[in-house]
């Protein structure tokens, strides 16, 4: 249980900016067992305010209703501590900061819809997950949501973000973004990540643009099946690392989609741009899979492929370029293929 040295009445508006929500406990001082009473007290306080969630007796729940949480920080004890957002719970303003908890939406409509042009929120050791049928957060066209995450996680399952506008995610320290983003072609999701981050590119539910920047030597970018496009800044940064002697980044692709085209763009002065390595993965043995390489690669371009699963029928498509040695038609676990393009031959050669 979070301890606050100040005191206030548990049945009315408190005098201090830190309140405790302890359902199933005993009201008193600044501790509330009823969310409606806590919110009434919270609404009378000025400036920065904190709500501590105490799950000692039962899982805290925020009931259906409309809540303005401008200037409010949510705090739990551990990232595994769940705070449920009931169906019909609506935030007109999302908490400015969330620390050490899991926010789980059980709502069948968005809990928060970005209404201002630009909104920023911060999550420290916090997980967002959606158990209802609707995304937790909606970002309409013409709006932007900035998310500062530190040890933050989007839990897999249902959609966390529906993006028609822009979402900018910064400082994803040891953070995994699972396949939990939806949106149309008008949407943009931009990740600025560090060396500990694992980014899973949204699956087919998101058809907008994706940008991943500042990839470090141990960062990973994971494709989900159904999404085979990636912003060129990912692979540009990978080549930047090679130029400076760092270990290259790599892309992991889930072969459930059956085929994948390696991302590629002409981007001076490092032209062309393509990732130095692809790791193929899947839950089980893959019956058939086709990997298509970029057309017209430059002389000396290096590329490697490895697989974490058996591929019974494998096709490596040169996309207009040949192979000096015919590629294998099946792959075993851990098998590695390395190629270098030789322009005078117009072929990929073993490297």
Foldseek 3Di string as FASTA:
>chain_A
DDDDPAFAFQQAAGPDQEAEAEAPDDGGTRYYNDVVRNQRNNVPDDAAHEYEYDCPPHQAEDEADEHEQVNYEYEYDAQDREYEYEANAAYQHDHQEYEHYEYEYQYQEANYEDDDQEEEHEYESHEYEYPHNYANYEYAANHEYEYEYHNYEYDDDEANYEFLHEYEYEEQALYEYDQRYAYEQNGEYEYEYDQNYEYEPHAQRHDYAYHYADYAQNYEYEYEAHDAEHDLRQQVVQVVCVVVVGHGYEYEYECPNQEHEFYWDQDPPDPITTGQEYEYEYPAEAAHHEYEYDPPGDAFDKHKYAYQYKYNAYHYHPNQAAAPDHDDGIDHGGDMFMWTQHVVRSHTYGD
